[in-house]
Amino acid sequence: MQAILEILKYTIPSIVVLVTAIVMMKYYYRSFILDRDRDLVLQDRKKTLPMRLQAYERLSLFLERITVDSLVVREQDNDYTSREFHQHLLTMVRAEYEHNLSQQIYVSGDAWYLVKNAKEGVLNIVNKAAMQVNPDGPALDLSQKIIELQMEIDTSPTKGALDFLRIEAMKLMDR
C-alpha cells in the first residue's frame, strides 16, 4: 500500500501538470489560429476592397452613360435615320454593358440584377420609341420620342440601380 501511495504522490501532480499544459496549449493554439485568420481576412480585404470599389465606380459610370438623356444627347448624329440611330443606340448600350460584364464578380447579386434590369429598361424605352416613329425619318424624331417616353415614366430605369450601388459602396467603406 505504501508503494502505491508513493507512486500516486508523484503521478497525480504530474497528471495535473500534464492536463494543465494540454489545456493551455489548446487555448494558445485556438488563439493563434483566430489571430492568423483575422490577419488573413484583413490582408485579403486590403487587396479586394479597392477592386470592389472600382467595380462599383465603373458600374455607376456605366449606368450614367446609358441614362436615356445622356445616351441620346451624347450619341445624337443628324446623319442617321431613325432606324440607323435606333441600331446605333442599341449597339452602344450593349457594348457598354459587355465592357463592364466582368464587374459582376465584385458586386452583390442584387446589385448586378439591378444593373441588368436598368440596361433592359433603357433598351425597352429605345425599342418602344423606335416603334412609334418613321424608320426612315430623321434621328432627331427618335431622340424626341425617347425623351418623351422617359418623361412619361416616373423614374429613370437607371436611377434605382445607381442609388443601390451608392448605398452598397458606402457600406463597403464603413466596414
C-alpha atoms as a PDB file:
ATOM      1  CA  MET A   1       0.000   0.000   0.000  1.00  0.00           C
ATOM      2  CA  GLN A   2       2.889   2.297   0.865  1.00  0.00           C
ATOM      3  CA  ALA A   3       4.330   1.800  -2.615  1.00  0.00           C
ATOM      4  CA  ILE A   4       1.033   2.749  -4.257  1.00  0.00           C
ATOM      5  CA  LEU A   5       0.837   5.930  -2.207  1.00  0.00           C
ATOM      6  CA  GLU A   6       4.417   6.793  -3.193  1.00  0.00           C
ATOM      7  CA  ILE A   7       3.577   6.267  -6.868  1.00  0.00           C
ATOM      8  CA  LEU A   8       0.385   8.339  -6.597  1.00  0.00           C
ATOM      9  CA  LYS A   9       2.325  11.064  -4.779  1.00  0.00           C
ATOM     10  CA  TYR A  10       4.443  11.555  -7.918  1.00  0.00           C
ATOM     11  CA  THR A  11       1.967  10.705 -10.664  1.00  0.00           C
ATOM     12  CA  ILE A  12      -1.022  12.814  -9.574  1.00  0.00           C
ATOM     13  CA  PRO A  13       0.897  16.122  -9.669  1.00  0.00           C
ATOM     14  CA  SER A  14       2.435  15.065 -12.972  1.00  0.00           C
ATOM     15  CA  ILE A  15      -1.016  14.328 -14.415  1.00  0.00           C
ATOM     16  CA  VAL A  16      -2.329  17.678 -13.164  1.00  0.00           C
ATOM     17  CA  VAL A  17       0.617  19.475 -14.757  1.00  0.00           C
ATOM     18  CA  LEU A  18       0.126  17.497 -17.996  1.00  0.00           C
ATOM     19  CA  VAL A  19      -3.623  18.282 -18.148  1.00  0.00           C
ATOM     20  CA  THR A  20      -2.917  21.962 -17.405  1.00  0.00           C
ATOM     21  CA  ALA A  21      -0.290  22.063 -20.141  1.00  0.00           C
ATOM     22  CA  ILE A  22      -2.671  20.428 -22.631  1.00  0.00           C
ATOM     23  CA  VAL A  23      -5.464  22.895 -21.793  1.00  0.00           C
ATOM     24  CA  MET A  24      -3.067  25.839 -22.077  1.00  0.00           C
ATOM     25  CA  MET A  25      -1.724  24.586 -25.406  1.00  0.00           C
ATOM     26  CA  LYS A  26      -5.259  24.172 -26.785  1.00  0.00           C
ATOM     27  CA  TYR A  27      -6.153  27.702 -25.679  1.00  0.00           C
ATOM     28  CA  TYR A  28      -2.941  29.113 -27.163  1.00  0.00           C
ATOM     29  CA  TYR A  29      -3.438  27.196 -30.424  1.00  0.00           C
ATOM     30  CA  ARG A  30      -7.045  28.389 -30.760  1.00  0.00           C
ATOM     31  CA  SER A  31      -5.971  31.960 -30.069  1.00  0.00           C
ATOM     32  CA  PHE A  32      -3.141  31.674 -32.590  1.00  0.00           C
ATOM     33  CA  ILE A  33      -5.499  30.311 -35.293  1.00  0.00           C
ATOM     34  CA  LEU A  34      -8.060  33.083 -34.659  1.00  0.00           C
ATOM     35  CA  ASP A  35      -5.370  35.771 -34.872  1.00  0.00           C
ATOM     36  CA  ARG A  36      -3.963  34.256 -38.062  1.00  0.00           C
ATOM     37  CA  ASP A  37      -7.420  34.031 -39.654  1.00  0.00           C
ATOM     38  CA  ARG A  38      -8.199  37.633 -38.686  1.00  0.00           C
ATOM     39  CA  ASP A  39      -4.897  38.772 -40.197  1.00  0.00           C
ATOM     40  CA  LEU A  40      -5.620  36.856 -43.411  1.00  0.00           C
ATOM     41  CA  VAL A  41      -9.075  38.426 -43.664  1.00  0.00           C
ATOM     42  CA  LEU A  42      -7.613  41.896 -43.132  1.00  0.00           C
ATOM     43  CA  GLN A  43      -4.907  41.319 -45.743  1.00  0.00           C
ATOM     44  CA  ASP A  44      -7.482  39.982 -48.187  1.00  0.00           C
ATOM     45  CA  ARG A  45      -9.733  42.962 -47.542  1.00  0.00           C
ATOM     46  CA  LYS A  46      -6.862  45.379 -48.203  1.00  0.00           C
ATOM     47  CA  LYS A  47      -6.407  43.752 -51.603  1.00  0.00           C
ATOM     48  CA  THR A  48     -10.032  43.291 -52.632  1.00  0.00           C
ATOM     49  CA  LEU A  49     -11.618  46.479 -51.284  1.00  0.00           C
ATOM     50  CA  PRO A  50     -10.043  48.736 -53.927  1.00  0.00           C
ATOM     51  CA  MET A  51     -11.128  46.346 -56.690  1.00  0.00           C
ATOM     52  CA  ARG A  52     -14.663  46.150 -55.337  1.00  0.00           C
ATOM     53  CA  LEU A  53     -14.918  49.931 -55.041  1.00  0.00           C
ATOM     54  CA  GLN A  54     -13.586  50.283 -58.573  1.00  0.00           C
ATOM     55  CA  ALA A  55     -16.298  47.873 -59.766  1.00  0.00           C
ATOM     56  CA  TYR A  56     -18.987  49.999 -58.118  1.00  0.00           C
ATOM     57  CA  GLU A  57     -17.425  53.073 -59.700  1.00  0.00           C
ATOM     58  CA  ARG A  58     -17.350  51.502 -63.167  1.00  0.00           C
ATOM     59  CA  LEU A  59     -20.921  50.257 -62.904  1.00  0.00           C
ATOM     60  CA  SER A  60     -22.057  53.694 -61.752  1.00  0.00           C
ATOM     61  CA  LEU A  61     -20.332  55.226 -64.740  1.00  0.00           C
ATOM     62  CA  PHE A  62     -21.964  52.618 -66.988  1.00  0.00           C
ATOM     63  CA  LEU A  63     -25.406  53.479 -65.612  1.00  0.00           C
ATOM     64  CA  GLU A  64     -24.764  57.195 -66.009  1.00  0.00           C
ATOM     65  CA  ARG A  65     -23.651  56.664 -69.610  1.00  0.00           C
ATOM     66  CA  ILE A  66     -26.759  54.664 -70.528  1.00  0.00           C
ATOM     67  CA  THR A  67     -29.182  57.024 -68.808  1.00  0.00           C
ATOM     68  CA  VAL A  68     -31.629  57.884 -71.564  1.00  0.00           C
ATOM     69  CA  ASP A  69     -30.970  61.646 -71.602  1.00  0.00           C
ATOM     70  CA  SER A  70     -27.206  61.205 -71.551  1.00  0.00           C
ATOM     71  CA  LEU A  71     -27.240  58.474 -74.170  1.00  0.00           C
ATOM     72  CA  VAL A  72     -29.429  60.356 -76.639  1.00  0.00           C
ATOM     73  CA  VAL A  73     -27.540  63.625 -76.312  1.00  0.00           C
ATOM     74  CA  ARG A  74     -24.096  62.013 -76.486  1.00  0.00           C
ATOM     75  CA  GLU A  75     -24.851  59.749 -79.447  1.00  0.00           C
ATOM     76  CA  GLN A  76     -27.060  62.114 -81.491  1.00  0.00           C
ATOM     77  CA  ASP A  77     -25.973  62.370 -85.120  1.00  0.00           C
ATOM     78  CA  ASN A  78     -28.064  64.191 -87.718  1.00  0.00           C
ATOM     79  CA  ASP A  79     -26.717  61.959 -90.498  1.00  0.00           C
ATOM     80  CA  TYR A  80     -28.615  58.954 -89.121  1.00  0.00           C
ATOM     81  CA  THR A  81     -32.135  57.906 -89.987  1.00  0.00           C
ATOM     82  CA  SER A  82     -34.311  56.795 -87.082  1.00  0.00           C
ATOM     83  CA  ARG A  83     -33.634  53.146 -87.928  1.00  0.00           C
ATOM     84  CA  GLU A  84     -29.871  53.685 -88.029  1.00  0.00           C
ATOM     85  CA  PHE A  85     -29.931  55.720 -84.826  1.00  0.00           C
ATOM     86  CA  HIS A  86     -32.023  53.031 -83.145  1.00  0.00           C
ATOM     87  CA  GLN A  87     -29.481  50.370 -84.087  1.00  0.00           C
ATOM     88  CA  HIS A  88     -26.630  52.624 -83.045  1.00  0.00           C
ATOM     89  CA  LEU A  89     -28.168  53.214 -79.607  1.00  0.00           C
ATOM     90  CA  LEU A  90     -28.787  49.505 -79.065  1.00  0.00           C
ATOM     91  CA  THR A  91     -25.229  48.726 -80.095  1.00  0.00           C
ATOM     92  CA  MET A  92     -23.811  51.385 -77.777  1.00  0.00           C
ATOM     93  CA  VAL A  93     -25.761  50.189 -74.736  1.00  0.00           C
ATOM     94  CA  ARG A  94     -24.866  46.552 -75.363  1.00  0.00           C
ATOM     95  CA  ALA A  95     -21.199  47.408 -75.951  1.00  0.00           C
ATOM     96  CA  GLU A  96     -21.059  49.409 -72.709  1.00  0.00           C
ATOM     97  CA  TYR A  97     -22.698  46.515 -70.873  1.00  0.00           C
ATOM     98  CA  GLU A  98     -20.320  43.922 -72.316  1.00  0.00           C
ATOM     99  CA  HIS A  99     -17.374  46.136 -71.447  1.00  0.00           C
ATOM    100  CA  ASN A 100     -18.456  46.061 -67.788  1.00  0.00           C
ATOM    101  CA  LEU A 101     -19.602  42.447 -67.632  1.00  0.00           C
ATOM    102  CA  SER A 102     -16.656  41.317 -65.529  1.00  0.00           C
ATOM    103  CA  GLN A 103     -17.590  43.712 -62.728  1.00  0.00           C
ATOM    104  CA  GLN A 104     -20.366  41.374 -61.615  1.00  0.00           C
ATOM    105  CA  ILE A 105     -17.902  39.253 -59.639  1.00  0.00           C
ATOM    106  CA  TYR A 106     -17.112  42.194 -57.347  1.00  0.00           C
ATOM    107  CA  VAL A 107     -20.669  43.321 -56.553  1.00  0.00           C
ATOM    108  CA  SER A 108     -23.588  41.643 -54.834  1.00  0.00           C
ATOM    109  CA  GLY A 109     -26.093  39.584 -56.770  1.00  0.00           C
ATOM    110  CA  ASP A 110     -28.777  42.169 -56.051  1.00  0.00           C
ATOM    111  CA  ALA A 111     -26.626  44.982 -57.412  1.00  0.00           C
ATOM    112  CA  TRP A 112     -25.859  43.089 -60.605  1.00  0.00           C
ATOM    113  CA  TYR A 113     -29.534  42.186 -61.032  1.00  0.00           C
ATOM    114  CA  LEU A 114     -30.478  45.874 -60.803  1.00  0.00           C
ATOM    115  CA  VAL A 115     -27.755  46.849 -63.284  1.00  0.00           C
ATOM    116  CA  LYS A 116     -29.032  44.270 -65.783  1.00  0.00           C
ATOM    117  CA  ASN A 117     -32.612  45.436 -65.274  1.00  0.00           C
ATOM    118  CA  ALA A 118     -31.577  49.061 -65.786  1.00  0.00           C
ATOM    119  CA  LYS A 119     -29.917  48.156 -69.085  1.00  0.00           C
ATOM    120  CA  GLU A 120     -33.016  46.257 -70.179  1.00  0.00           C
ATOM    121  CA  GLY A 121     -35.212  49.193 -69.134  1.00  0.00           C
ATOM    122  CA  VAL A 122     -33.198  51.579 -71.280  1.00  0.00           C
ATOM    123  CA  LEU A 123     -33.301  49.181 -74.230  1.00  0.00           C
ATOM    124  CA  ASN A 124     -37.074  48.839 -73.807  1.00  0.00           C
ATOM    125  CA  ILE A 125     -37.549  52.608 -73.939  1.00  0.00           C
ATOM    126  CA  VAL A 126     -35.380  52.864 -77.054  1.00  0.00           C
ATOM    127  CA  ASN A 127     -37.208  49.991 -78.743  1.00  0.00           C
ATOM    128  CA  LYS A 128     -40.629  51.317 -77.806  1.00  0.00           C
ATOM    129  CA  ALA A 129     -39.756  54.751 -79.164  1.00  0.00           C
ATOM    130  CA  ALA A 130     -38.385  53.222 -82.380  1.00  0.00           C
ATOM    131  CA  MET A 131     -41.723  51.506 -82.999  1.00  0.00           C
ATOM    132  CA  GLN A 132     -43.545  54.841 -82.705  1.00  0.00           C
ATOM    133  CA  VAL A 133     -41.545  56.819 -85.274  1.00  0.00           C
ATOM    134  CA  ASN A 134     -40.979  56.565 -89.004  1.00  0.00           C
ATOM    135  CA  PRO A 135     -37.884  54.350 -89.502  1.00  0.00           C
ATOM    136  CA  ASP A 136     -36.769  56.434 -92.465  1.00  0.00           C
ATOM    137  CA  GLY A 137     -37.310  59.736 -90.666  1.00  0.00           C
ATOM    138  CA  PRO A 138     -34.537  61.792 -89.100  1.00  0.00           C
ATOM    139  CA  ALA A 139     -32.803  60.566 -85.972  1.00  0.00           C
ATOM    140  CA  LEU A 140     -33.998  63.679 -84.173  1.00  0.00           C
ATOM    141  CA  ASP A 141     -37.562  62.291 -84.253  1.00  0.00           C
ATOM    142  CA  LEU A 142     -36.410  59.166 -82.466  1.00  0.00           C
ATOM    143  CA  SER A 143     -34.454  61.231 -79.953  1.00  0.00           C
ATOM    144  CA  GLN A 144     -37.503  63.324 -79.151  1.00  0.00           C
ATOM    145  CA  LYS A 145     -39.713  60.246 -78.797  1.00  0.00           C
ATOM    146  CA  ILE A 146     -37.195  58.565 -76.473  1.00  0.00           C
ATOM    147  CA  ILE A 147     -37.091  61.656 -74.259  1.00  0.00           C
ATOM    148  CA  GLU A 148     -40.905  61.841 -74.269  1.00  0.00           C
ATOM    149  CA  LEU A 149     -41.226  58.224 -73.196  1.00  0.00           C
ATOM    150  CA  GLN A 150     -38.638  58.756 -70.493  1.00  0.00           C
ATOM    151  CA  MET A 151     -40.617  61.715 -69.154  1.00  0.00           C
ATOM    152  CA  GLU A 152     -43.827  59.645 -69.072  1.00  0.00           C
ATOM    153  CA  ILE A 153     -42.415  57.176 -66.585  1.00  0.00           C
ATOM    154  CA  ASP A 154     -41.797  58.258 -63.002  1.00  0.00           C
ATOM    155  CA  THR A 155     -38.108  57.459 -62.723  1.00  0.00           C
ATOM    156  CA  SER A 156     -35.258  56.591 -65.000  1.00  0.00           C
ATOM    157  CA  PRO A 157     -34.575  52.856 -65.308  1.00  0.00           C
ATOM    158  CA  THR A 158     -31.040  53.553 -64.094  1.00  0.00           C
ATOM    159  CA  LYS A 159     -31.904  55.636 -61.010  1.00  0.00           C
ATOM    160  CA  GLY A 160     -32.801  52.741 -58.709  1.00  0.00           C
ATOM    161  CA  ALA A 161     -29.694  50.809 -59.665  1.00  0.00           C
ATOM    162  CA  LEU A 162     -27.483  53.868 -59.150  1.00  0.00           C
ATOM    163  CA  ASP A 163     -28.988  54.522 -55.722  1.00  0.00           C
ATOM    164  CA  PHE A 164     -28.481  50.879 -54.753  1.00  0.00           C
ATOM    165  CA  LEU A 165     -24.851  50.914 -55.915  1.00  0.00           C
ATOM    166  CA  ARG A 166     -24.148  54.064 -53.900  1.00  0.00           C
ATOM    167  CA  ILE A 167     -25.599  52.521 -50.740  1.00  0.00           C
ATOM    168  CA  GLU A 168     -23.637  49.301 -51.169  1.00  0.00           C
ATOM    169  CA  ALA A 169     -20.398  51.160 -51.861  1.00  0.00           C
ATOM    170  CA  MET A 170     -20.910  53.243 -48.722  1.00  0.00           C
ATOM    171  CA  LYS A 171     -21.447  50.059 -46.688  1.00  0.00           C
ATOM    172  CA  LEU A 172     -18.151  48.696 -48.021  1.00  0.00           C
ATOM    173  CA  MET A 173     -16.294  51.793 -46.895  1.00  0.00           C
ATOM    174  CA  ASP A 174     -17.897  51.759 -43.429  1.00  0.00           C
ATOM    175  CA  ARG A 175     -16.596  48.276 -42.553  1.00  0.00           C
END
